[in-house]
Amino acid sequence: MVEKTLDRRWMLRGAGAAGAAMVGGIALAGAAPANERGSTDLQRNSLEGSWLIEHQDDPAAQNTPVRAVASFAAGGVYTGFDIAPPSPPQGGTWARTGDGTFDATFWTGDAGPAGSGAPAVVVRVRPRGRVSGDRISGTYRVQVWDAATGTVLQNGTGRFWGTRIEA
């Protein structure tokens, strides 16, 4: 009998956070005009734009941070992807929850490793974060399902941090 196992790293690699996250994406501009440095006083705590972030699953001692790009567009559109190591793109939505705070939900998926017999997975990530000037940070919850059966394979949490990408 062959035992099918799913490596946690493989299952969650598409769940970068806040974004998890997300790097190298196209900057999706906000509505306010930008000065030479790419931001205005009105945008000081604005989430809109793109962020170079790192995210790390809990427990941190057992998981290496992943570098990603997270982009937040006007109208609540989110897109992102992990760049180191790379992963499939992520898409979803975000909403402002207060002065400099936000919640988001995004989805991604991944096929099982070729020849492994591991199932394709669907991943949902729910970041909660804070923006302060050109810095972003927060936590996230992640859930991974078997794409064929809908069976929950993994639940997890983590944190993210990063800086705004200047144009």
C-alpha atoms as a PDB file:
ATOM      1  CA  MET A   1       0.000   0.000   0.000  1.00  0.00           C
ATOM      2  CA  VAL A   2       1.362   3.415  -0.967  1.00  0.00           C
ATOM      3  CA  GLU A   3       0.703   6.146   1.577  1.00  0.00           C
ATOM      4  CA  LYS A   4      -0.125   9.522   0.018  1.00  0.00           C
ATOM      5  CA  THR A   5       1.255  12.417   2.006  1.00  0.00           C
ATOM      6  CA  LEU A   6       1.041  16.138   1.459  1.00  0.00           C
ATOM      7  CA  ASP A   7       3.967  18.242   2.501  1.00  0.00           C
ATOM      8  CA  ARG A   8       2.705  21.265   4.495  1.00  0.00           C
ATOM      9  CA  ARG A   9       5.122  23.528   2.618  1.00  0.00           C
ATOM     10  CA  TRP A  10       3.751  22.331  -0.730  1.00  0.00           C
ATOM     11  CA  MET A  11       0.129  22.774   0.356  1.00  0.00           C
ATOM     12  CA  LEU A  12       0.630  26.269   1.703  1.00  0.00           C
ATOM     13  CA  ARG A  13       3.137  27.607  -0.828  1.00  0.00           C
ATOM     14  CA  GLY A  14       0.321  29.089  -2.877  1.00  0.00           C
ATOM     15  CA  ALA A  15      -1.045  30.766   0.214  1.00  0.00           C
ATOM     16  CA  GLY A  16       1.428  33.516   0.526  1.00  0.00           C
ATOM     17  CA  ALA A  17      -0.198  36.302   2.360  1.00  0.00           C
ATOM     18  CA  ALA A  18      -1.148  39.026   2.607  1.00  0.00           C
ATOM     19  CA  GLY A  19      -1.130  38.381   1.531  1.00  0.00           C
ATOM     20  CA  ALA A  20      -0.295  36.772   2.246  1.00  0.00           C
ATOM     21  CA  ALA A  21       0.713  37.287  -0.098  1.00  0.00           C
ATOM     22  CA  MET A  22       2.901  38.309  -3.340  1.00  0.00           C
ATOM     23  CA  VAL A  23       5.778  40.067  -5.221  1.00  0.00           C
ATOM     24  CA  GLY A  24       6.615  41.531  -8.575  1.00  0.00           C
ATOM     25  CA  GLY A  25       2.998  42.253  -9.451  1.00  0.00           C
ATOM     26  CA  ILE A  26       1.844  45.214 -11.442  1.00  0.00           C
ATOM     27  CA  ALA A  27       1.229  48.182  -9.158  1.00  0.00           C
ATOM     28  CA  LEU A  28      -2.440  48.994  -9.179  1.00  0.00           C
ATOM     29  CA  ALA A  29      -2.692  52.695  -8.471  1.00  0.00           C
ATOM     30  CA  GLY A  30      -5.074  54.438  -6.102  1.00  0.00           C
ATOM     31  CA  ALA A  31      -7.176  57.441  -7.058  1.00  0.00           C
ATOM     32  CA  ALA A  32      -5.071  60.150  -5.371  1.00  0.00           C
ATOM     33  CA  PRO A  33      -2.335  61.829  -7.428  1.00  0.00           C
ATOM     34  CA  ALA A  34       1.222  60.822  -6.559  1.00  0.00           C
ATOM     35  CA  ASN A  35       4.222  63.045  -6.054  1.00  0.00           C
ATOM     36  CA  GLU A  36       7.794  62.165  -7.092  1.00  0.00           C
ATOM     37  CA  ARG A  37       8.141  59.755  -4.165  1.00  0.00           C
ATOM     38  CA  GLY A  38       4.989  57.867  -5.165  1.00  0.00           C
ATOM     39  CA  SER A  39       2.696  58.879  -2.312  1.00  0.00           C
ATOM     40  CA  THR A  40       0.824  61.853  -0.893  1.00  0.00           C
ATOM     41  CA  ASP A  41      -0.109  62.795   2.647  1.00  0.00           C
ATOM     42  CA  LEU A  42      -3.633  61.562   1.888  1.00  0.00           C
ATOM     43  CA  GLN A  43      -2.203  58.163   0.962  1.00  0.00           C
ATOM     44  CA  ARG A  44       0.038  57.846   4.041  1.00  0.00           C
ATOM     45  CA  ASN A  45      -1.952  54.924   5.437  1.00  0.00           C
ATOM     46  CA  SER A  46      -3.473  53.858   2.126  1.00  0.00           C
ATOM     47  CA  LEU A  47      -3.361  50.173   1.308  1.00  0.00           C
ATOM     48  CA  GLU A  48      -3.726  50.792  -2.426  1.00  0.00           C
ATOM     49  CA  GLY A  49      -0.640  49.946  -4.443  1.00  0.00           C
ATOM     50  CA  SER A  50       1.817  47.052  -4.370  1.00  0.00           C
ATOM     51  CA  TRP A  51       3.850  45.716  -1.481  1.00  0.00           C
ATOM     52  CA  LEU A  52       6.970  43.561  -1.279  1.00  0.00           C
ATOM     53  CA  ILE A  53       6.202  41.310   1.648  1.00  0.00           C
ATOM     54  CA  GLU A  54       7.378  38.237   3.475  1.00  0.00           C
ATOM     55  CA  HIS A  55       4.952  35.805   5.055  1.00  0.00           C
ATOM     56  CA  GLN A  56       5.644  32.972   7.446  1.00  0.00           C
ATOM     57  CA  ASP A  57       3.389  30.151   8.570  1.00  0.00           C
ATOM     58  CA  ASP A  58       3.161  29.277  12.264  1.00  0.00           C
ATOM     59  CA  PRO A  59       5.101  27.949  14.051  1.00  0.00           C
ATOM     60  CA  ALA A  60       7.769  30.362  12.814  1.00  0.00           C
ATOM     61  CA  ALA A  61      10.616  28.213  14.125  1.00  0.00           C
ATOM     62  CA  GLN A  62       9.641  25.445  11.675  1.00  0.00           C
ATOM     63  CA  ASN A  63       8.814  27.534   8.587  1.00  0.00           C
ATOM     64  CA  THR A  64      10.998  29.688   6.360  1.00  0.00           C
ATOM     65  CA  PRO A  65       9.594  33.097   5.321  1.00  0.00           C
ATOM     66  CA  VAL A  66       8.340  33.328   1.728  1.00  0.00           C
ATOM     67  CA  ARG A  67       8.828  36.525  -0.317  1.00  0.00           C
ATOM     68  CA  ALA A  68       5.801  37.747  -2.263  1.00  0.00           C
ATOM     69  CA  VAL A  69       4.125  40.704  -3.987  1.00  0.00           C
ATOM     70  CA  ALA A  70       0.671  41.822  -2.849  1.00  0.00           C
ATOM     71  CA  SER A  71      -1.291  44.393  -4.865  1.00  0.00           C
ATOM     72  CA  PHE A  72      -4.403  46.179  -3.626  1.00  0.00           C
ATOM     73  CA  ALA A  73      -6.460  48.152  -6.159  1.00  0.00           C
ATOM     74  CA  ALA A  74      -9.241  50.693  -5.746  1.00  0.00           C
ATOM     75  CA  GLY A  75     -12.622  49.011  -5.551  1.00  0.00           C
ATOM     76  CA  GLY A  76     -11.355  46.221  -3.291  1.00  0.00           C
ATOM     77  CA  VAL A  77      -9.466  44.127  -5.864  1.00  0.00           C
ATOM     78  CA  TYR A  78      -6.529  42.042  -4.613  1.00  0.00           C
ATOM     79  CA  THR A  79      -3.919  40.163  -6.637  1.00  0.00           C
ATOM     80  CA  GLY A  80      -0.620  38.651  -5.624  1.00  0.00           C
ATOM     81  CA  PHE A  81       1.865  35.832  -5.915  1.00  0.00           C
ATOM     82  CA  ASP A  82       4.830  34.337  -4.123  1.00  0.00           C
ATOM     83  CA  ILE A  83       8.179  34.920  -5.839  1.00  0.00           C
ATOM     84  CA  ALA A  84      10.683  33.118  -3.616  1.00  0.00           C
ATOM     85  CA  PRO A  85       9.769  30.342  -3.960  1.00  0.00           C
ATOM     86  CA  PRO A  86       7.323  31.012  -6.834  1.00  0.00           C
ATOM     87  CA  SER A  87       3.690  29.904  -6.726  1.00  0.00           C
ATOM     88  CA  PRO A  88       0.455  30.276  -8.724  1.00  0.00           C
ATOM     89  CA  PRO A  89      -1.248  33.698  -8.737  1.00  0.00           C
ATOM     90  CA  GLN A  90      -3.764  34.672  -6.066  1.00  0.00           C
ATOM     91  CA  GLY A  91      -6.928  36.716  -6.490  1.00  0.00           C
ATOM     92  CA  GLY A  92      -9.497  38.120  -4.136  1.00  0.00           C
ATOM     93  CA  THR A  93     -10.848  41.176  -2.404  1.00  0.00           C
ATOM     94  CA  TRP A  94     -10.027  43.544   0.457  1.00  0.00           C
ATOM     95  CA  ALA A  95     -11.861  46.092   2.615  1.00  0.00           C
ATOM     96  CA  ARG A  96     -10.723  48.921   4.886  1.00  0.00           C
ATOM     97  CA  THR A  97     -11.763  48.229   8.503  1.00  0.00           C
ATOM     98  CA  GLY A  98     -10.469  51.392  10.149  1.00  0.00           C
ATOM     99  CA  ASP A  99      -7.728  53.995   9.958  1.00  0.00           C
ATOM    100  CA  GLY A 100      -4.865  52.044   8.418  1.00  0.00           C
ATOM    101  CA  THR A 101      -6.422  48.593   8.996  1.00  0.00           C
ATOM    102  CA  PHE A 102      -7.876  46.087   6.534  1.00  0.00           C
ATOM    103  CA  ASP A 103      -9.241  42.571   6.047  1.00  0.00           C
ATOM    104  CA  ALA A 104      -8.872  40.549   2.858  1.00  0.00           C
ATOM    105  CA  THR A 105      -9.774  37.175   1.409  1.00  0.00           C
ATOM    106  CA  PHE A 106      -7.975  35.625  -1.523  1.00  0.00           C
ATOM    107  CA  TRP A 107      -7.896  32.278  -3.282  1.00  0.00           C
ATOM    108  CA  THR A 108      -5.330  30.219  -5.136  1.00  0.00           C
ATOM    109  CA  GLY A 109      -4.858  26.608  -6.108  1.00  0.00           C
ATOM    110  CA  ASP A 110      -2.206  24.168  -7.171  1.00  0.00           C
ATOM    111  CA  ALA A 111      -1.959  20.800  -8.849  1.00  0.00           C
ATOM    112  CA  GLY A 112      -0.323  17.990  -6.921  1.00  0.00           C
ATOM    113  CA  PRO A 113       3.337  17.316  -7.723  1.00  0.00           C
ATOM    114  CA  ALA A 114       3.621  15.365 -10.998  1.00  0.00           C
ATOM    115  CA  GLY A 115       3.545  11.627 -10.392  1.00  0.00           C
ATOM    116  CA  SER A 116       3.048  11.993  -6.643  1.00  0.00           C
ATOM    117  CA  GLY A 117      -0.575  10.929  -6.499  1.00  0.00           C
ATOM    118  CA  ALA A 118      -1.207  13.964  -4.276  1.00  0.00           C
ATOM    119  CA  PRO A 119      -4.467  15.785  -4.996  1.00  0.00           C
ATOM    120  CA  ALA A 120      -4.857  19.216  -6.507  1.00  0.00           C
ATOM    121  CA  VAL A 121      -5.644  21.740  -3.788  1.00  0.00           C
ATOM    122  CA  VAL A 122      -7.693  24.903  -3.350  1.00  0.00           C
ATOM    123  CA  VAL A 123      -6.380  27.451  -0.845  1.00  0.00           C
ATOM    124  CA  ARG A 124      -8.181  30.338   0.892  1.00  0.00           C
ATOM    125  CA  VAL A 125      -6.188  32.923   2.848  1.00  0.00           C
ATOM    126  CA  ARG A 126      -7.732  35.571   5.120  1.00  0.00           C
ATOM    127  CA  PRO A 127      -5.259  38.305   6.092  1.00  0.00           C
ATOM    128  CA  ARG A 128      -5.928  41.042   8.674  1.00  0.00           C
ATOM    129  CA  GLY A 129      -3.432  43.835   8.592  1.00  0.00           C
ATOM    130  CA  ARG A 130      -2.294  47.347   9.294  1.00  0.00           C
ATOM    131  CA  VAL A 131      -0.623  49.954   7.092  1.00  0.00           C
ATOM    132  CA  SER A 132       1.569  52.629   8.613  1.00  0.00           C
ATOM    133  CA  GLY A 133       3.179  54.888   6.020  1.00  0.00           C
ATOM    134  CA  ASP A 134       5.202  52.635   3.739  1.00  0.00           C
ATOM    135  CA  ARG A 135       5.032  49.576   6.017  1.00  0.00           C
ATOM    136  CA  ILE A 136       2.475  46.770   6.134  1.00  0.00           C
ATOM    137  CA  SER A 137       2.082  43.938   8.653  1.00  0.00           C
ATOM    138  CA  GLY A 138      -0.485  41.547  10.007  1.00  0.00           C
ATOM    139  CA  THR A 139      -1.614  37.982  10.492  1.00  0.00           C
ATOM    140  CA  TYR A 140      -3.509  35.478   8.352  1.00  0.00           C
ATOM    141  CA  ARG A 141      -5.572  32.316   8.526  1.00  0.00           C
ATOM    142  CA  VAL A 142      -5.298  29.725   5.766  1.00  0.00           C
ATOM    143  CA  GLN A 143      -7.414  26.721   4.827  1.00  0.00           C
ATOM    144  CA  VAL A 144      -6.508  24.082   2.220  1.00  0.00           C
ATOM    145  CA  TRP A 145      -9.003  21.741   0.531  1.00  0.00           C
ATOM    146  CA  ASP A 146      -8.714  18.743  -1.754  1.00  0.00           C
ATOM    147  CA  ALA A 147      -9.953  20.207  -5.063  1.00  0.00           C
ATOM    148  CA  ALA A 148     -11.797  17.020  -6.071  1.00  0.00           C
ATOM    149  CA  THR A 149     -13.556  16.139  -2.819  1.00  0.00           C
ATOM    150  CA  GLY A 150     -13.737  19.396  -0.882  1.00  0.00           C
ATOM    151  CA  THR A 151     -12.167  17.676   2.119  1.00  0.00           C
ATOM    152  CA  VAL A 152     -10.265  20.064   4.387  1.00  0.00           C
ATOM    153  CA  LEU A 153      -6.618  19.003   4.344  1.00  0.00           C
ATOM    154  CA  GLN A 154      -5.019  21.730   6.439  1.00  0.00           C
ATOM    155  CA  ASN A 155      -5.795  24.752   8.604  1.00  0.00           C
ATOM    156  CA  GLY A 156      -3.109  27.186   9.622  1.00  0.00           C
ATOM    157  CA  THR A 157      -2.107  30.677  10.669  1.00  0.00           C
ATOM    158  CA  GLY A 158       0.832  32.948  10.048  1.00  0.00           C
ATOM    159  CA  ARG A 159       2.096  36.505   9.870  1.00  0.00           C
ATOM    160  CA  PHE A 160       3.313  38.904   7.189  1.00  0.00           C
ATOM    161  CA  TRP A 161       5.316  42.134   6.977  1.00  0.00           C
ATOM    162  CA  GLY A 162       6.734  44.284   4.206  1.00  0.00           C
ATOM    163  CA  THR A 163       7.213  47.628   2.494  1.00  0.00           C
ATOM    164  CA  ARG A 164       5.520  49.580  -0.274  1.00  0.00           C
ATOM    165  CA  ILE A 165       6.935  49.167  -3.790  1.00  0.00           C
ATOM    166  CA  GLU A 166       7.765  52.601  -5.195  1.00  0.00           C
ATOM    167  CA  ALA A 167       7.150  53.289  -8.891  1.00  0.00           C
END
